[in-house]
Amino acid sequence: MTHTKFVVRVIRRGNRIPEYLQRINPTPIQTTKDRKRALVMGKFTAEDAIRSIQTSQCNPELIPVQVTA
């Protein structure tokens, strides 16, 4: 059985390589370029993370991921 979870992809101005949200606890938020190391979370948690990191220099978006349970 598969479930849909979400990964937050962050594209920063001036950097063409996408980064993925790795941790949301510390300040500043940690990102990684490896999608396999990214934090997989539910939709509501991912939307909250997007709202908290959205700035004029940062463009976050949700990426759906199929997870086998």
C-alpha atoms as a PDB file:
ATOM      1  CA  MET A   1       0.000   0.000   0.000  1.00  0.00           C
ATOM      2  CA  THR A   2       1.370   3.408  -0.932  1.00  0.00           C
ATOM      3  CA  HIS A   3       0.723   6.793   0.627  1.00  0.00           C
ATOM      4  CA  THR A   4       1.406  10.234  -0.742  1.00  0.00           C
ATOM      5  CA  LYS A   5       3.770  12.342   1.340  1.00  0.00           C
ATOM      6  CA  PHE A   6       5.437  15.605   0.451  1.00  0.00           C
ATOM      7  CA  VAL A   7       8.930  17.033   0.134  1.00  0.00           C
ATOM      8  CA  VAL A   8       9.559  20.781   0.113  1.00  0.00           C
ATOM      9  CA  ARG A   9      11.811  21.922  -2.732  1.00  0.00           C
ATOM     10  CA  VAL A  10      13.482  25.301  -2.274  1.00  0.00           C
ATOM     11  CA  ILE A  11      14.829  27.335  -5.181  1.00  0.00           C
ATOM     12  CA  ARG A  12      16.837  30.359  -4.069  1.00  0.00           C
ATOM     13  CA  ARG A  13      17.409  33.376  -6.249  1.00  0.00           C
ATOM     14  CA  GLY A  14      20.760  33.185  -8.028  1.00  0.00           C
ATOM     15  CA  ASN A  15      21.102  29.420  -7.463  1.00  0.00           C
ATOM     16  CA  ARG A  16      19.806  27.106 -10.190  1.00  0.00           C
ATOM     17  CA  ILE A  17      20.323  23.895  -8.203  1.00  0.00           C
ATOM     18  CA  PRO A  18      17.186  22.987  -6.227  1.00  0.00           C
ATOM     19  CA  GLU A  19      17.574  22.189  -2.550  1.00  0.00           C
ATOM     20  CA  TYR A  20      15.227  20.146  -0.393  1.00  0.00           C
ATOM     21  CA  LEU A  21      14.181  20.811   3.174  1.00  0.00           C
ATOM     22  CA  GLN A  22      16.130  18.546   5.531  1.00  0.00           C
ATOM     23  CA  ARG A  23      15.301  19.885   9.014  1.00  0.00           C
ATOM     24  CA  ILE A  24      12.804  22.459  10.222  1.00  0.00           C
ATOM     25  CA  ASN A  25      13.703  22.587  13.932  1.00  0.00           C
ATOM     26  CA  PRO A  26      16.901  24.655  14.102  1.00  0.00           C
ATOM     27  CA  THR A  27      17.370  28.215  12.996  1.00  0.00           C
ATOM     28  CA  PRO A  28      18.271  28.616  10.172  1.00  0.00           C
ATOM     29  CA  ILE A  29      16.402  25.804   8.427  1.00  0.00           C
ATOM     30  CA  GLN A  30      18.735  23.176   6.970  1.00  0.00           C
ATOM     31  CA  THR A  31      18.513  22.127   3.326  1.00  0.00           C
ATOM     32  CA  THR A  32      20.164  19.395   1.279  1.00  0.00           C
ATOM     33  CA  LYS A  33      20.770  18.893  -2.435  1.00  0.00           C
ATOM     34  CA  ASP A  34      20.142  15.145  -2.146  1.00  0.00           C
ATOM     35  CA  ARG A  35      16.417  14.395  -2.464  1.00  0.00           C
ATOM     36  CA  LYS A  36      16.808  11.048  -0.679  1.00  0.00           C
ATOM     37  CA  ARG A  37      17.948  12.856   2.477  1.00  0.00           C
ATOM     38  CA  ALA A  38      15.051  15.315   2.385  1.00  0.00           C
ATOM     39  CA  LEU A  39      12.418  15.431   5.096  1.00  0.00           C
ATOM     40  CA  VAL A  40       9.249  13.576   4.013  1.00  0.00           C
ATOM     41  CA  MET A  41       6.154  14.928   5.733  1.00  0.00           C
ATOM     42  CA  GLY A  42       2.406  15.188   5.571  1.00  0.00           C
ATOM     43  CA  LYS A  43       0.620  17.886   3.597  1.00  0.00           C
ATOM     44  CA  PHE A  44      -0.290  20.151   6.522  1.00  0.00           C
ATOM     45  CA  THR A  45       3.216  20.062   7.992  1.00  0.00           C
ATOM     46  CA  ALA A  46       4.734  20.755   4.573  1.00  0.00           C
ATOM     47  CA  GLU A  47       2.390  23.710   3.999  1.00  0.00           C
ATOM     48  CA  ASP A  48       3.339  25.142   7.413  1.00  0.00           C
ATOM     49  CA  ALA A  49       7.030  24.793   6.541  1.00  0.00           C
ATOM     50  CA  ILE A  50       6.471  26.595   3.236  1.00  0.00           C
ATOM     51  CA  ARG A  51       4.733  29.487   4.988  1.00  0.00           C
ATOM     52  CA  SER A  52       7.549  29.830   7.498  1.00  0.00           C
ATOM     53  CA  ILE A  53      10.415  29.917   4.959  1.00  0.00           C
ATOM     54  CA  GLN A  54       8.758  31.833   2.125  1.00  0.00           C
ATOM     55  CA  THR A  55      10.686  35.050   1.426  1.00  0.00           C
ATOM     56  CA  SER A  56      11.443  37.200  -1.582  1.00  0.00           C
ATOM     57  CA  GLN A  57      14.746  35.342  -2.091  1.00  0.00           C
ATOM     58  CA  CYS A  58      13.351  31.837  -1.580  1.00  0.00           C
ATOM     59  CA  ASN A  59      10.682  30.068  -3.638  1.00  0.00           C
ATOM     60  CA  PRO A  60       9.500  26.846  -1.896  1.00  0.00           C
ATOM     61  CA  GLU A  61       7.103  24.350  -3.500  1.00  0.00           C
ATOM     62  CA  LEU A  62       5.513  20.994  -2.637  1.00  0.00           C
ATOM     63  CA  ILE A  63       6.700  17.863  -4.418  1.00  0.00           C
ATOM     64  CA  PRO A  64       4.502  14.729  -3.975  1.00  0.00           C
ATOM     65  CA  VAL A  65       6.340  11.471  -3.194  1.00  0.00           C
ATOM     66  CA  GLN A  66       4.881   7.944  -3.124  1.00  0.00           C
ATOM     67  CA  VAL A  67       5.849   6.151   0.095  1.00  0.00           C
ATOM     68  CA  THR A  68       5.364   2.421   0.647  1.00  0.00           C
ATOM     69  CA  ALA A  69       3.958   1.631   4.078  1.00  0.00           C
END
